[in-house]
Amino acid sequence: MTVIAVFAVLVIIGDAISMGICTIVERISEHASLIAFLFLFAAVFVVAWKLAVYITERYLMTPEQH
């Protein structure tokens, strides 16, 4: 259950960063902004899951749970 909470927090942070990046890209090109957003949106879920598992296993589990 902890890994899901960590994942949710990381996704929120990642999507906020993605929105900031896409806002900057939108000033250059609206079409590129959409492509960047779709790529970053998908990438955030993959990276967030891997980070959530790593953080949970490394820092939030007791030795008995391993």
C-alpha atoms as a PDB file:
ATOM      1  CA  MET A   1       0.000   0.000   0.000  1.00  0.00           C
ATOM      2  CA  THR A   2       2.919   2.317   0.715  1.00  0.00           C
ATOM      3  CA  VAL A   3       4.260   1.935  -2.797  1.00  0.00           C
ATOM      4  CA  ILE A   4       0.968   3.193  -4.243  1.00  0.00           C
ATOM      5  CA  ALA A   5       1.057   6.299  -2.043  1.00  0.00           C
ATOM      6  CA  VAL A   6       4.659   7.007  -3.041  1.00  0.00           C
ATOM      7  CA  PHE A   7       3.716   6.426  -6.690  1.00  0.00           C
ATOM      8  CA  ALA A   8       0.799   8.878  -6.477  1.00  0.00           C
ATOM      9  CA  VAL A   9       2.987  11.578  -4.958  1.00  0.00           C
ATOM     10  CA  LEU A  10       5.662  11.070  -7.617  1.00  0.00           C
ATOM     11  CA  VAL A  11       3.081  11.210 -10.416  1.00  0.00           C
ATOM     12  CA  ILE A  12       1.674  14.481  -9.106  1.00  0.00           C
ATOM     13  CA  ILE A  13       5.153  15.987  -8.882  1.00  0.00           C
ATOM     14  CA  GLY A  14       6.125  14.631 -12.300  1.00  0.00           C
ATOM     15  CA  ASP A  15       2.976  15.905 -13.994  1.00  0.00           C
ATOM     16  CA  ALA A  16       3.477  19.354 -12.470  1.00  0.00           C
ATOM     17  CA  ILE A  17       7.008  19.435 -13.865  1.00  0.00           C
ATOM     18  CA  SER A  18       5.717  18.197 -17.237  1.00  0.00           C
ATOM     19  CA  MET A  19       3.144  20.973 -17.361  1.00  0.00           C
ATOM     20  CA  GLY A  20       5.861  23.535 -16.682  1.00  0.00           C
ATOM     21  CA  ILE A  21       8.053  22.133 -19.442  1.00  0.00           C
ATOM     22  CA  CYS A  22       5.139  22.054 -21.884  1.00  0.00           C
ATOM     23  CA  THR A  23       4.214  25.639 -21.053  1.00  0.00           C
ATOM     24  CA  ILE A  24       7.707  26.698 -22.051  1.00  0.00           C
ATOM     25  CA  VAL A  25       7.593  24.568 -25.215  1.00  0.00           C
ATOM     26  CA  GLU A  26       4.167  26.029 -26.104  1.00  0.00           C
ATOM     27  CA  ARG A  27       5.725  29.471 -26.453  1.00  0.00           C
ATOM     28  CA  ILE A  28       7.851  28.055 -29.260  1.00  0.00           C
ATOM     29  CA  SER A  29       5.320  25.756 -30.965  1.00  0.00           C
ATOM     30  CA  GLU A  30       1.807  24.665 -30.000  1.00  0.00           C
ATOM     31  CA  HIS A  31       2.116  21.410 -31.958  1.00  0.00           C
ATOM     32  CA  ALA A  32       5.396  20.507 -30.309  1.00  0.00           C
ATOM     33  CA  SER A  33       3.816  21.237 -26.944  1.00  0.00           C
ATOM     34  CA  LEU A  34       1.160  18.572 -27.487  1.00  0.00           C
ATOM     35  CA  ILE A  35       3.720  15.985 -28.554  1.00  0.00           C
ATOM     36  CA  ALA A  36       5.961  16.865 -25.615  1.00  0.00           C
ATOM     37  CA  PHE A  37       3.041  16.630 -23.187  1.00  0.00           C
ATOM     38  CA  LEU A  38       1.945  13.210 -24.455  1.00  0.00           C
ATOM     39  CA  PHE A  39       5.501  11.878 -24.263  1.00  0.00           C
ATOM     40  CA  LEU A  40       6.135  13.317 -20.801  1.00  0.00           C
ATOM     41  CA  PHE A  41       2.732  12.204 -19.508  1.00  0.00           C
ATOM     42  CA  ALA A  42       3.500   8.578 -20.415  1.00  0.00           C
ATOM     43  CA  ALA A  43       7.111   8.790 -19.264  1.00  0.00           C
ATOM     44  CA  VAL A  44       6.087  10.113 -15.845  1.00  0.00           C
ATOM     45  CA  PHE A  45       4.101   6.950 -15.103  1.00  0.00           C
ATOM     46  CA  VAL A  46       6.963   4.640 -16.043  1.00  0.00           C
ATOM     47  CA  VAL A  47       9.611   6.607 -14.148  1.00  0.00           C
ATOM     48  CA  ALA A  48       7.344   7.199 -11.143  1.00  0.00           C
ATOM     49  CA  TRP A  49       6.600   3.498 -10.787  1.00  0.00           C
ATOM     50  CA  LYS A  50      10.265   2.505 -10.934  1.00  0.00           C
ATOM     51  CA  LEU A  51      11.186   5.228  -8.443  1.00  0.00           C
ATOM     52  CA  ALA A  52       8.304   4.316  -6.137  1.00  0.00           C
ATOM     53  CA  VAL A  53       9.401   0.686  -5.998  1.00  0.00           C
ATOM     54  CA  TYR A  54      13.021   1.703  -5.401  1.00  0.00           C
ATOM     55  CA  ILE A  55      12.150   4.206  -2.670  1.00  0.00           C
ATOM     56  CA  THR A  56       9.767   1.807  -0.947  1.00  0.00           C
ATOM     57  CA  GLU A  57      12.169  -1.140  -0.994  1.00  0.00           C
ATOM     58  CA  ARG A  58      15.213   0.896  -0.034  1.00  0.00           C
ATOM     59  CA  TYR A  59      13.899   3.344   2.553  1.00  0.00           C
ATOM     60  CA  LEU A  60      10.420   2.440   3.743  1.00  0.00           C
ATOM     61  CA  MET A  61      10.564  -1.314   4.373  1.00  0.00           C
ATOM     62  CA  THR A  62      11.843  -2.861   7.555  1.00  0.00           C
ATOM     63  CA  PRO A  63      14.406  -5.700   7.337  1.00  0.00           C
ATOM     64  CA  GLU A  64      11.677  -8.195   8.288  1.00  0.00           C
ATOM     65  CA  GLN A  65       9.607  -7.224   5.246  1.00  0.00           C
ATOM     66  CA  HIS A  66      12.403  -7.965   2.758  1.00  0.00           C
END
